[in-house]
Amino acid sequence: MIDKLVVKLLTLKMWLSDEHGQDVTEYALLTGGIALILVTAVGLFSGVVQTWFGDAADYFTTNFAP
């Protein structure tokens, strides 16, 4: 009876200390954080980029139109 209890406790200890899959979780959190930063940056700078491309299009249309 005590042997079975010891085996069960050791099994539980091994299961709780198992770090398998921890790397995947860390990479998922890191990837999610980077994606959040990129989405925020695109949202903040989209107006500026749109203005740059609009100005460039106007410049080329005005100066190089046939």
PDB file of N, CA and C in Angstrom:
ATOM      1  N   MET A   1       0.824  -1.199   0.000  1.00  0.00           N
ATOM      2  CA  MET A   1       0.000   0.000   0.000  1.00  0.00           C
ATOM      3  C   MET A   1       0.864   1.256   0.000  1.00  0.00           C
ATOM      4  N   ILE A   2       1.888   1.300   0.848  1.00  0.00           N
ATOM      5  CA  ILE A   2       2.757   2.471   0.923  1.00  0.00           C
ATOM      6  C   ILE A   2       3.561   2.614  -0.362  1.00  0.00           C
ATOM      7  N   ASP A   3       3.944   1.484  -0.952  1.00  0.00           N
ATOM      8  CA  ASP A   3       4.695   1.532  -2.212  1.00  0.00           C
ATOM      9  C   ASP A   3       3.869   2.189  -3.313  1.00  0.00           C
ATOM     10  N   LYS A   4       2.573   1.855  -3.381  1.00  0.00           N
ATOM     11  CA  LYS A   4       1.694   2.449  -4.395  1.00  0.00           C
ATOM     12  C   LYS A   4       1.557   3.952  -4.160  1.00  0.00           C
ATOM     13  N   LEU A   5       1.454   4.358  -2.907  1.00  0.00           N
ATOM     14  CA  LEU A   5       1.343   5.773  -2.584  1.00  0.00           C
ATOM     15  C   LEU A   5       2.619   6.524  -2.977  1.00  0.00           C
ATOM     16  N   VAL A   6       3.768   5.919  -2.696  1.00  0.00           N
ATOM     17  CA  VAL A   6       5.047   6.541  -3.061  1.00  0.00           C
ATOM     18  C   VAL A   6       5.153   6.668  -4.574  1.00  0.00           C
ATOM     19  N   VAL A   7       4.757   5.626  -5.293  1.00  0.00           N
ATOM     20  CA  VAL A   7       4.800   5.669  -6.759  1.00  0.00           C
ATOM     21  C   VAL A   7       3.877   6.767  -7.280  1.00  0.00           C
ATOM     22  N   LYS A   8       2.683   6.870  -6.721  1.00  0.00           N
ATOM     23  CA  LYS A   8       1.739   7.905  -7.153  1.00  0.00           C
ATOM     24  C   LYS A   8       2.281   9.303  -6.846  1.00  0.00           C
ATOM     25  N   LEU A   9       2.895   9.485  -5.683  1.00  0.00           N
ATOM     26  CA  LEU A   9       3.457  10.789  -5.335  1.00  0.00           C
ATOM     27  C   LEU A   9       4.633  11.148  -6.245  1.00  0.00           C
ATOM     28  N   LEU A  10       5.474  10.163  -6.543  1.00  0.00           N
ATOM     29  CA  LEU A  10       6.592  10.418  -7.458  1.00  0.00           C
ATOM     30  C   LEU A  10       6.095  10.730  -8.868  1.00  0.00           C
ATOM     31  N   THR A  11       5.058  10.029  -9.284  1.00  0.00           N
ATOM     32  CA  THR A  11       4.469  10.305 -10.600  1.00  0.00           C
ATOM     33  C   THR A  11       3.894  11.714 -10.639  1.00  0.00           C
ATOM     34  N   LEU A  12       3.213  12.109  -9.597  1.00  0.00           N
ATOM     35  CA  LEU A  12       2.653  13.456  -9.520  1.00  0.00           C
ATOM     36  C   LEU A  12       3.756  14.508  -9.522  1.00  0.00           C
ATOM     37  N   LYS A  13       4.824  14.246  -8.789  1.00  0.00           N
ATOM     38  CA  LYS A  13       5.951  15.183  -8.748  1.00  0.00           C
ATOM     39  C   LYS A  13       6.581  15.339 -10.131  1.00  0.00           C
ATOM     40  N   MET A  14       6.757  14.221 -10.824  1.00  0.00           N
ATOM     41  CA  MET A  14       7.331  14.279 -12.180  1.00  0.00           C
ATOM     42  C   MET A  14       6.401  15.041 -13.118  1.00  0.00           C
ATOM     43  N   TRP A  15       5.100  14.806 -12.982  1.00  0.00           N
ATOM     44  CA  TRP A  15       4.134  15.468 -13.859  1.00  0.00           C
ATOM     45  C   TRP A  15       4.119  16.978 -13.615  1.00  0.00           C
ATOM     46  N   LEU A  16       4.203  17.391 -12.352  1.00  0.00           N
ATOM     47  CA  LEU A  16       4.188  18.815 -12.030  1.00  0.00           C
ATOM     48  C   LEU A  16       5.480  19.521 -12.430  1.00  0.00           C
ATOM     49  N   SER A  17       6.584  18.806 -12.415  1.00  0.00           N
ATOM     50  CA  SER A  17       7.860  19.434 -12.753  1.00  0.00           C
ATOM     51  C   SER A  17       8.202  19.313 -14.242  1.00  0.00           C
ATOM     52  N   ASP A  18       7.326  18.688 -15.012  1.00  0.00           N
ATOM     53  CA  ASP A  18       7.569  18.521 -16.440  1.00  0.00           C
ATOM     54  C   ASP A  18       7.474  19.873 -17.134  1.00  0.00           C
ATOM     55  N   GLU A  19       8.497  20.241 -17.874  1.00  0.00           N
ATOM     56  CA  GLU A  19       8.526  21.524 -18.573  1.00  0.00           C
ATOM     57  C   GLU A  19       8.321  21.357 -20.069  1.00  0.00           C
ATOM     58  N   HIS A  20       7.889  20.186 -20.489  1.00  0.00           N
ATOM     59  CA  HIS A  20       7.642  19.933 -21.898  1.00  0.00           C
ATOM     60  C   HIS A  20       6.509  20.846 -22.385  1.00  0.00           C
ATOM     61  N   GLY A  21       6.749  21.548 -23.463  1.00  0.00           N
ATOM     62  CA  GLY A  21       5.754  22.462 -24.000  1.00  0.00           C
ATOM     63  C   GLY A  21       5.927  23.890 -23.529  1.00  0.00           C
ATOM     64  N   GLN A  22       6.808  24.121 -22.580  1.00  0.00           N
ATOM     65  CA  GLN A  22       7.014  25.470 -22.067  1.00  0.00           C
ATOM     66  C   GLN A  22       7.598  26.372 -23.148  1.00  0.00           C
ATOM     67  N   ASP A  23       8.510  25.851 -23.952  1.00  0.00           N
ATOM     68  CA  ASP A  23       9.118  26.651 -25.018  1.00  0.00           C
ATOM     69  C   ASP A  23       8.071  27.100 -26.028  1.00  0.00           C
ATOM     70  N   VAL A  24       7.155  26.222 -26.357  1.00  0.00           N
ATOM     71  CA  VAL A  24       6.110  26.560 -27.320  1.00  0.00           C
ATOM     72  C   VAL A  24       5.255  27.698 -26.781  1.00  0.00           C
ATOM     73  N   THR A  25       4.926  27.639 -25.523  1.00  0.00           N
ATOM     74  CA  THR A  25       4.122  28.701 -24.910  1.00  0.00           C
ATOM     75  C   THR A  25       4.883  30.025 -24.914  1.00  0.00           C
ATOM     76  N   GLU A  26       6.164  29.973 -24.599  1.00  0.00           N
ATOM     77  CA  GLU A  26       6.960  31.202 -24.602  1.00  0.00           C
ATOM     78  C   GLU A  26       7.046  31.797 -26.004  1.00  0.00           C
ATOM     79  N   TYR A  27       7.253  30.956 -27.007  1.00  0.00           N
ATOM     80  CA  TYR A  27       7.316  31.454 -28.379  1.00  0.00           C
ATOM     81  C   TYR A  27       5.969  32.022 -28.823  1.00  0.00           C
ATOM     82  N   ALA A  28       4.882  31.403 -28.403  1.00  0.00           N
ATOM     83  CA  ALA A  28       3.557  31.911 -28.751  1.00  0.00           C
ATOM     84  C   ALA A  28       3.320  33.283 -28.125  1.00  0.00           C
ATOM     85  N   LEU A  29       3.712  33.444 -26.872  1.00  0.00           N
ATOM     86  CA  LEU A  29       3.558  34.750 -26.223  1.00  0.00           C
ATOM     87  C   LEU A  29       4.437  35.807 -26.878  1.00  0.00           C
ATOM     88  N   LEU A  30       5.657  35.434 -27.228  1.00  0.00           N
ATOM     89  CA  LEU A  30       6.563  36.361 -27.891  1.00  0.00           C
ATOM     90  C   LEU A  30       6.023  36.770 -29.259  1.00  0.00           C
ATOM     91  N   THR A  31       5.541  35.796 -30.019  1.00  0.00           N
ATOM     92  CA  THR A  31       4.974  36.085 -31.335  1.00  0.00           C
ATOM     93  C   THR A  31       3.738  36.969 -31.219  1.00  0.00           C
ATOM     94  N   GLY A  32       2.894  36.692 -30.246  1.00  0.00           N
ATOM     95  CA  GLY A  32       1.706  37.521 -30.027  1.00  0.00           C
ATOM     96  C   GLY A  32       2.072  38.945 -29.645  1.00  0.00           C
ATOM     97  N   GLY A  33       3.104  39.112 -28.820  1.00  0.00           N
ATOM     98  CA  GLY A  33       3.555  40.457 -28.444  1.00  0.00           C
ATOM     99  C   GLY A  33       4.097  41.233 -29.627  1.00  0.00           C
ATOM    100  N   ILE A  34       4.884  40.567 -30.461  1.00  0.00           N
ATOM    101  CA  ILE A  34       5.424  41.223 -31.654  1.00  0.00           C
ATOM    102  C   ILE A  34       4.301  41.597 -32.609  1.00  0.00           C
ATOM    103  N   ALA A  35       3.331  40.711 -32.777  1.00  0.00           N
ATOM    104  CA  ALA A  35       2.194  41.010 -33.656  1.00  0.00           C
ATOM    105  C   ALA A  35       1.405  42.215 -33.140  1.00  0.00           C
ATOM    106  N   LEU A  36       1.216  42.284 -31.849  1.00  0.00           N
ATOM    107  CA  LEU A  36       0.505  43.417 -31.251  1.00  0.00           C
ATOM    108  C   LEU A  36       1.253  44.723 -31.494  1.00  0.00           C
ATOM    109  N   ILE A  37       2.566  44.697 -31.352  1.00  0.00           N
ATOM    110  CA  ILE A  37       3.375  45.890 -31.611  1.00  0.00           C
ATOM    111  C   ILE A  37       3.275  46.295 -33.074  1.00  0.00           C
ATOM    112  N   LEU A  38       3.343  45.338 -33.982  1.00  0.00           N
ATOM    113  CA  LEU A  38       3.259  45.655 -35.411  1.00  0.00           C
ATOM    114  C   LEU A  38       1.898  46.224 -35.789  1.00  0.00           C
ATOM    115  N   VAL A  39       0.837  45.640 -35.271  1.00  0.00           N
ATOM    116  CA  VAL A  39      -0.506  46.142 -35.577  1.00  0.00           C
ATOM    117  C   VAL A  39      -0.670  47.563 -35.044  1.00  0.00           C
ATOM    118  N   THR A  40      -0.162  47.830 -33.858  1.00  0.00           N
ATOM    119  CA  THR A  40      -0.230  49.171 -33.287  1.00  0.00           C
ATOM    120  C   THR A  40       0.572  50.162 -34.121  1.00  0.00           C
ATOM    121  N   ALA A  41       1.771  49.768 -34.535  1.00  0.00           N
ATOM    122  CA  ALA A  41       2.610  50.653 -35.342  1.00  0.00           C
ATOM    123  C   ALA A  41       1.959  50.957 -36.687  1.00  0.00           C
ATOM    124  N   VAL A  42       1.389  49.949 -37.318  1.00  0.00           N
ATOM    125  CA  VAL A  42       0.716  50.175 -38.609  1.00  0.00           C
ATOM    126  C   VAL A  42      -0.466  51.115 -38.415  1.00  0.00           C
ATOM    127  N   GLY A  43      -1.204  50.936 -37.340  1.00  0.00           N
ATOM    128  CA  GLY A  43      -2.334  51.821 -37.070  1.00  0.00           C
ATOM    129  C   GLY A  43      -1.903  53.254 -36.823  1.00  0.00           C
ATOM    130  N   LEU A  44      -0.792  53.436 -36.127  1.00  0.00           N
ATOM    131  CA  LEU A  44      -0.323  54.789 -35.817  1.00  0.00           C
ATOM    132  C   LEU A  44       0.271  55.486 -37.038  1.00  0.00           C
ATOM    133  N   PHE A  45       0.977  54.745 -37.881  1.00  0.00           N
ATOM    134  CA  PHE A  45       1.684  55.360 -38.998  1.00  0.00           C
ATOM    135  C   PHE A  45       0.969  55.230 -40.337  1.00  0.00           C
ATOM    136  N   SER A  46      -0.218  54.661 -40.368  1.00  0.00           N
ATOM    137  CA  SER A  46      -0.900  54.473 -41.643  1.00  0.00           C
ATOM    138  C   SER A  46      -1.245  55.808 -42.308  1.00  0.00           C
ATOM    139  N   GLY A  47      -1.629  56.792 -41.513  1.00  0.00           N
ATOM    140  CA  GLY A  47      -1.949  58.101 -42.081  1.00  0.00           C
ATOM    141  C   GLY A  47      -0.732  58.772 -42.678  1.00  0.00           C
ATOM    142  N   VAL A  48       0.404  58.651 -42.020  1.00  0.00           N
ATOM    143  CA  VAL A  48       1.643  59.250 -42.506  1.00  0.00           C
ATOM    144  C   VAL A  48       2.076  58.590 -43.813  1.00  0.00           C
ATOM    145  N   VAL A  49       2.022  57.269 -43.843  1.00  0.00           N
ATOM    146  CA  VAL A  49       2.424  56.548 -45.053  1.00  0.00           C
ATOM    147  C   VAL A  49       1.475  56.869 -46.205  1.00  0.00           C
ATOM    148  N   GLN A  50       0.191  56.950 -45.914  1.00  0.00           N
ATOM    149  CA  GLN A  50      -0.787  57.281 -46.949  1.00  0.00           C
ATOM    150  C   GLN A  50      -0.510  58.681 -47.506  1.00  0.00           C
ATOM    151  N   THR A  51      -0.156  59.620 -46.659  1.00  0.00           N
ATOM    152  CA  THR A  51       0.178  60.971 -47.107  1.00  0.00           C
ATOM    153  C   THR A  51       1.429  60.955 -47.975  1.00  0.00           C
ATOM    154  N   TRP A  52       2.452  60.184 -47.575  1.00  0.00           N
ATOM    155  CA  TRP A  52       3.681  60.096 -48.366  1.00  0.00           C
ATOM    156  C   TRP A  52       3.397  59.564 -49.766  1.00  0.00           C
ATOM    157  N   PHE A  53       2.641  58.477 -49.842  1.00  0.00           N
ATOM    158  CA  PHE A  53       2.342  57.905 -51.150  1.00  0.00           C
ATOM    159  C   PHE A  53       1.444  58.822 -51.970  1.00  0.00           C
ATOM    160  N   GLY A  54       0.519  59.489 -51.307  1.00  0.00           N
ATOM    161  CA  GLY A  54      -0.345  60.439 -52.015  1.00  0.00           C
ATOM    162  C   GLY A  54       0.452  61.607 -52.578  1.00  0.00           C
ATOM    163  N   ASP A  55       1.384  62.142 -51.785  1.00  0.00           N
ATOM    164  CA  ASP A  55       2.234  63.236 -52.261  1.00  0.00           C
ATOM    165  C   ASP A  55       3.122  62.784 -53.409  1.00  0.00           C
ATOM    166  N   ALA A  56       3.666  61.561 -53.306  1.00  0.00           N
ATOM    167  CA  ALA A  56       4.507  61.040 -54.385  1.00  0.00           C
ATOM    168  C   ALA A  56       3.696  60.851 -55.656  1.00  0.00           C
ATOM    169  N   ALA A  57       2.494  60.344 -55.531  1.00  0.00           N
ATOM    170  CA  ALA A  57       1.635  60.157 -56.702  1.00  0.00           C
ATOM    171  C   ALA A  57       1.287  61.499 -57.336  1.00  0.00           C
ATOM    172  N   ASP A  58       0.967  62.486 -56.526  1.00  0.00           N
ATOM    173  CA  ASP A  58       0.662  63.819 -57.053  1.00  0.00           C
ATOM    174  C   ASP A  58       1.874  64.417 -57.762  1.00  0.00           C
ATOM    175  N   TYR A  59       3.063  64.242 -57.168  1.00  0.00           N
ATOM    176  CA  TYR A  59       4.290  64.768 -57.764  1.00  0.00           C
ATOM    177  C   TYR A  59       4.534  64.153 -59.136  1.00  0.00           C
ATOM    178  N   PHE A  60       4.444  62.833 -59.215  1.00  0.00           N
ATOM    179  CA  PHE A  60       4.706  62.168 -60.498  1.00  0.00           C
ATOM    180  C   PHE A  60       3.609  62.463 -61.514  1.00  0.00           C
ATOM    181  N   THR A  61       2.386  62.592 -61.060  1.00  0.00           N
ATOM    182  CA  THR A  61       1.294  62.910 -61.974  1.00  0.00           C
ATOM    183  C   THR A  61       1.443  64.326 -62.515  1.00  0.00           C
ATOM    184  N   THR A  62       1.825  65.259 -61.679  1.00  0.00           N
ATOM    185  CA  THR A  62       1.968  66.660 -62.083  1.00  0.00           C
ATOM    186  C   THR A  62       3.188  66.876 -62.955  1.00  0.00           C
ATOM    187  N   ASN A  63       4.329  66.298 -62.586  1.00  0.00           N
ATOM    188  CA  ASN A  63       5.582  66.589 -63.260  1.00  0.00           C
ATOM    189  C   ASN A  63       5.892  65.667 -64.437  1.00  0.00           C
ATOM    190  N   PHE A  64       5.337  64.493 -64.481  1.00  0.00           N
ATOM    191  CA  PHE A  64       5.716  63.548 -65.518  1.00  0.00           C
ATOM    192  C   PHE A  64       4.531  63.068 -66.341  1.00  0.00           C
ATOM    193  N   ALA A  65       3.408  63.756 -66.289  1.00  0.00           N
ATOM    194  CA  ALA A  65       2.238  63.371 -67.086  1.00  0.00           C
ATOM    195  C   ALA A  65       2.488  63.714 -68.545  1.00  0.00           C
ATOM    196  N   PRO A  66       2.075  62.844 -69.448  1.00  0.00           N
ATOM    197  CA  PRO A  66       2.298  63.127 -70.880  1.00  0.00           C
ATOM    198  C   PRO A  66       1.438  64.243 -71.403  1.00  0.00           C
TER     199      PRO A  66
END
